[in-house]
Every structure is written in C-alpha cells, then in structure tokens.
Amino acid sequence: EFFPSLRELTLDGNMLDTIASLGPLSKLLALRLNRNKIDVANGLGTEETGLRTLAHLQVLEMGSNGITDLSPFAQTALPTLRILHLPGNEISKLEGLGHLEQLRELV
C-alpha cells in the first residue's frame, strides 16, 4: 500500500475520468475530486480498487464532474461516509444513496 498514513487527498481540477486505480488507502478520510470528469458509471473501480476500497472515507467531494445519475453509488459500501458534496452537477434524482446510513450532509 502506498501512503499508508494518508488521511486527505485532493485531486481537484485534474481532468480525471476514473478513480479505478486509486487505493488501497486504508486510512483515507477525505477525498476531493471536484472539477474533474469522473464517469461514475464506469470509473469508480472494482471490489478491489477505487472508491470501494476506501472503507474509512468520511468526506467525498465530487462537485462539477458532469454527474447526472447517482445509481452507481449503490455499488459502493462507504459505511463511514458522512459528507457528500456534489454541487455543479446535473443530478435529477437521488437514487443510489439510501444505503449511506452515516450520511449527515448532502450538498
């Protein structure tokens, strides 16, 4: 594992379209991916890679990524996610977030 003590990672404005190769980052608490082009349908990773490996993530920011559909998030456990920021996207419905039991802030 690279950066085993990393707690926060900011990758804003990097034109990323996937985070499938991200991780494992077992101690990561905050991930900022604003102003990218993340394809949430195909770019969140597999069971062993990407967002699904961030078991302790509490803050996820994905503003201005061109996200229209949140249903792919249903495939990510994210058991400790408390804050989800999605401003600047064109989301029409909130399907796919019902399993986020710890979610306290949704923007």
C-alpha atoms as a PDB file:
ATOM      1  CA  GLU A   1       0.000   0.000   0.000  1.00  0.00           C
ATOM      2  CA  PHE A   2       1.301   3.423  -0.988  1.00  0.00           C
ATOM      3  CA  PHE A   3       0.940   6.225   1.554  1.00  0.00           C
ATOM      4  CA  PRO A   4      -0.394   4.061   4.401  1.00  0.00           C
ATOM      5  CA  SER A   5      -0.924   7.088   6.671  1.00  0.00           C
ATOM      6  CA  LEU A   6      -2.597   9.405   4.139  1.00  0.00           C
ATOM      7  CA  ARG A   7      -5.736  10.958   5.634  1.00  0.00           C
ATOM      8  CA  GLU A   8      -6.741  13.538   2.982  1.00  0.00           C
ATOM      9  CA  LEU A   9      -6.296  13.565  -0.783  1.00  0.00           C
ATOM     10  CA  THR A  10      -7.218  16.472  -3.039  1.00  0.00           C
ATOM     11  CA  LEU A  11      -7.238  15.873  -6.794  1.00  0.00           C
ATOM     12  CA  ASP A  12      -9.377  18.853  -7.820  1.00  0.00           C
ATOM     13  CA  GLY A  13      -9.158  20.061 -11.415  1.00  0.00           C
ATOM     14  CA  ASN A  14      -7.084  17.207 -12.836  1.00  0.00           C
ATOM     15  CA  MET A  15      -9.439  16.160 -15.681  1.00  0.00           C
ATOM     16  CA  LEU A  16      -9.662  12.642 -14.228  1.00  0.00           C
ATOM     17  CA  ASP A  17     -12.337  10.409 -15.738  1.00  0.00           C
ATOM     18  CA  THR A  18     -11.760   7.443 -13.431  1.00  0.00           C
ATOM     19  CA  ILE A  19     -10.516   6.644  -9.947  1.00  0.00           C
ATOM     20  CA  ALA A  20     -10.486   2.909 -10.592  1.00  0.00           C
ATOM     21  CA  SER A  21      -6.749   2.696  -9.893  1.00  0.00           C
ATOM     22  CA  LEU A  22      -6.959   4.644  -6.645  1.00  0.00           C
ATOM     23  CA  GLY A  23      -6.097   2.787  -3.473  1.00  0.00           C
ATOM     24  CA  PRO A  24      -5.884   0.943  -1.376  1.00  0.00           C
ATOM     25  CA  LEU A  25      -5.646   3.878   1.022  1.00  0.00           C
ATOM     26  CA  SER A  26      -6.839   2.312   4.243  1.00  0.00           C
ATOM     27  CA  LYS A  27      -6.604   5.461   6.392  1.00  0.00           C
ATOM     28  CA  LEU A  28      -8.061   7.957   3.907  1.00  0.00           C
ATOM     29  CA  LEU A  29     -10.809  10.066   5.481  1.00  0.00           C
ATOM     30  CA  ALA A  30     -11.366  12.807   2.889  1.00  0.00           C
ATOM     31  CA  LEU A  31     -11.255  12.634  -0.912  1.00  0.00           C
ATOM     32  CA  ARG A  32     -11.754  15.732  -3.011  1.00  0.00           C
ATOM     33  CA  LEU A  33     -12.356  15.206  -6.722  1.00  0.00           C
ATOM     34  CA  ASN A  34     -14.014  18.482  -7.700  1.00  0.00           C
ATOM     35  CA  ARG A  35     -13.811  19.810 -11.271  1.00  0.00           C
ATOM     36  CA  ASN A  36     -12.884  16.513 -12.937  1.00  0.00           C
ATOM     37  CA  LYS A  37     -14.837  14.332 -15.370  1.00  0.00           C
ATOM     38  CA  ILE A  38     -15.345  11.205 -13.276  1.00  0.00           C
ATOM     39  CA  ASP A  39     -17.539   8.694 -15.082  1.00  0.00           C
ATOM     40  CA  VAL A  40     -19.463   7.323 -12.088  1.00  0.00           C
ATOM     41  CA  ALA A  41     -20.994   4.528 -14.177  1.00  0.00           C
ATOM     42  CA  ASN A  42     -17.606   3.010 -15.063  1.00  0.00           C
ATOM     43  CA  GLY A  43     -14.894   4.910 -13.211  1.00  0.00           C
ATOM     44  CA  LEU A  44     -15.463   4.211  -9.510  1.00  0.00           C
ATOM     45  CA  GLY A  45     -13.445   0.968  -9.530  1.00  0.00           C
ATOM     46  CA  THR A  46     -13.993  -2.681  -8.747  1.00  0.00           C
ATOM     47  CA  GLU A  47     -14.324  -4.532  -5.454  1.00  0.00           C
ATOM     48  CA  GLU A  48     -10.531  -4.391  -5.065  1.00  0.00           C
ATOM     49  CA  THR A  49      -9.847  -0.899  -6.436  1.00  0.00           C
ATOM     50  CA  GLY A  50     -11.074   2.659  -6.393  1.00  0.00           C
ATOM     51  CA  LEU A  51     -13.817   4.056  -4.203  1.00  0.00           C
ATOM     52  CA  ARG A  52     -14.881   0.642  -2.914  1.00  0.00           C
ATOM     53  CA  THR A  53     -11.533   0.193  -1.106  1.00  0.00           C
ATOM     54  CA  LEU A  54     -11.847   3.352   0.987  1.00  0.00           C
ATOM     55  CA  ALA A  55     -13.533   1.765   3.986  1.00  0.00           C
ATOM     56  CA  HIS A  56     -12.955   4.720   6.348  1.00  0.00           C
ATOM     57  CA  LEU A  57     -13.846   7.545   3.965  1.00  0.00           C
ATOM     58  CA  GLN A  58     -15.913  10.223   5.710  1.00  0.00           C
ATOM     59  CA  VAL A  59     -15.847  13.084   3.196  1.00  0.00           C
ATOM     60  CA  LEU A  60     -16.306  12.797  -0.575  1.00  0.00           C
ATOM     61  CA  GLU A  61     -16.431  15.869  -2.789  1.00  0.00           C
ATOM     62  CA  MET A  62     -17.257  15.419  -6.471  1.00  0.00           C
ATOM     63  CA  GLY A  63     -18.530  18.837  -7.499  1.00  0.00           C
ATOM     64  CA  SER A  64     -18.608  19.802 -11.186  1.00  0.00           C
ATOM     65  CA  ASN A  65     -17.967  16.342 -12.620  1.00  0.00           C
ATOM     66  CA  GLY A  66     -20.876  16.187 -15.042  1.00  0.00           C
ATOM     67  CA  ILE A  67     -22.682  13.646 -12.854  1.00  0.00           C
ATOM     68  CA  THR A  68     -26.325  13.085 -13.799  1.00  0.00           C
ATOM     69  CA  ASP A  69     -27.031   9.667 -12.257  1.00  0.00           C
ATOM     70  CA  LEU A  70     -26.185   8.615  -8.700  1.00  0.00           C
ATOM     71  CA  SER A  71     -27.333   4.990  -9.012  1.00  0.00           C
ATOM     72  CA  PRO A  72     -23.741   3.662  -9.459  1.00  0.00           C
ATOM     73  CA  PHE A  73     -23.060   4.753  -5.878  1.00  0.00           C
ATOM     74  CA  ALA A  74     -25.371   1.922  -4.759  1.00  0.00           C
ATOM     75  CA  GLN A  75     -22.495  -0.455  -5.598  1.00  0.00           C
ATOM     76  CA  THR A  76     -20.141   1.262  -3.122  1.00  0.00           C
ATOM     77  CA  ALA A  77     -20.435   0.408   0.563  1.00  0.00           C
ATOM     78  CA  LEU A  78     -18.900   3.596   2.029  1.00  0.00           C
ATOM     79  CA  PRO A  79     -20.052   2.661   5.556  1.00  0.00           C
ATOM     80  CA  THR A  80     -18.489   5.717   7.244  1.00  0.00           C
ATOM     81  CA  LEU A  81     -19.331   8.419   4.674  1.00  0.00           C
ATOM     82  CA  ARG A  82     -20.742  11.446   6.491  1.00  0.00           C
ATOM     83  CA  ILE A  83     -20.361  14.274   3.971  1.00  0.00           C
ATOM     84  CA  LEU A  84     -21.107  14.081   0.244  1.00  0.00           C
ATOM     85  CA  HIS A  85     -20.716  17.243  -1.822  1.00  0.00           C
ATOM     86  CA  LEU A  86     -21.967  17.144  -5.415  1.00  0.00           C
ATOM     87  CA  PRO A  87     -22.564  20.802  -6.398  1.00  0.00           C
ATOM     88  CA  GLY A  88     -22.347  21.845 -10.023  1.00  0.00           C
ATOM     89  CA  ASN A  89     -23.665  18.534 -11.381  1.00  0.00           C
ATOM     90  CA  GLU A  90     -26.977  17.965 -13.163  1.00  0.00           C
ATOM     91  CA  ILE A  91     -28.479  15.349 -10.861  1.00  0.00           C
ATOM     92  CA  SER A  92     -32.211  14.854 -11.293  1.00  0.00           C
ATOM     93  CA  LYS A  93     -32.879  12.196  -8.636  1.00  0.00           C
ATOM     94  CA  LEU A  94     -31.157  10.830  -5.532  1.00  0.00           C
ATOM     95  CA  GLU A  95     -31.430   7.102  -6.235  1.00  0.00           C
ATOM     96  CA  GLY A  96     -28.385   5.125  -5.108  1.00  0.00           C
ATOM     97  CA  LEU A  97     -27.652   6.838  -1.801  1.00  0.00           C
ATOM     98  CA  GLY A  98     -30.149   5.111   0.507  1.00  0.00           C
ATOM     99  CA  HIS A  99     -27.535   2.723   1.916  1.00  0.00           C
ATOM    100  CA  LEU A 100     -25.330   5.558   3.245  1.00  0.00           C
ATOM    101  CA  GLU A 101     -26.534   5.289   6.827  1.00  0.00           C
ATOM    102  CA  GLN A 102     -23.911   7.635   8.292  1.00  0.00           C
ATOM    103  CA  LEU A 103     -24.560  10.431   5.762  1.00  0.00           C
ATOM    104  CA  ARG A 104     -25.147  13.715   7.598  1.00  0.00           C
ATOM    105  CA  GLU A 105     -24.521  16.335   4.915  1.00  0.00           C
ATOM    106  CA  LEU A 106     -25.539  16.212   1.260  1.00  0.00           C
ATOM    107  CA  VAL A 107     -24.905  19.237  -0.938  1.00  0.00           C
END
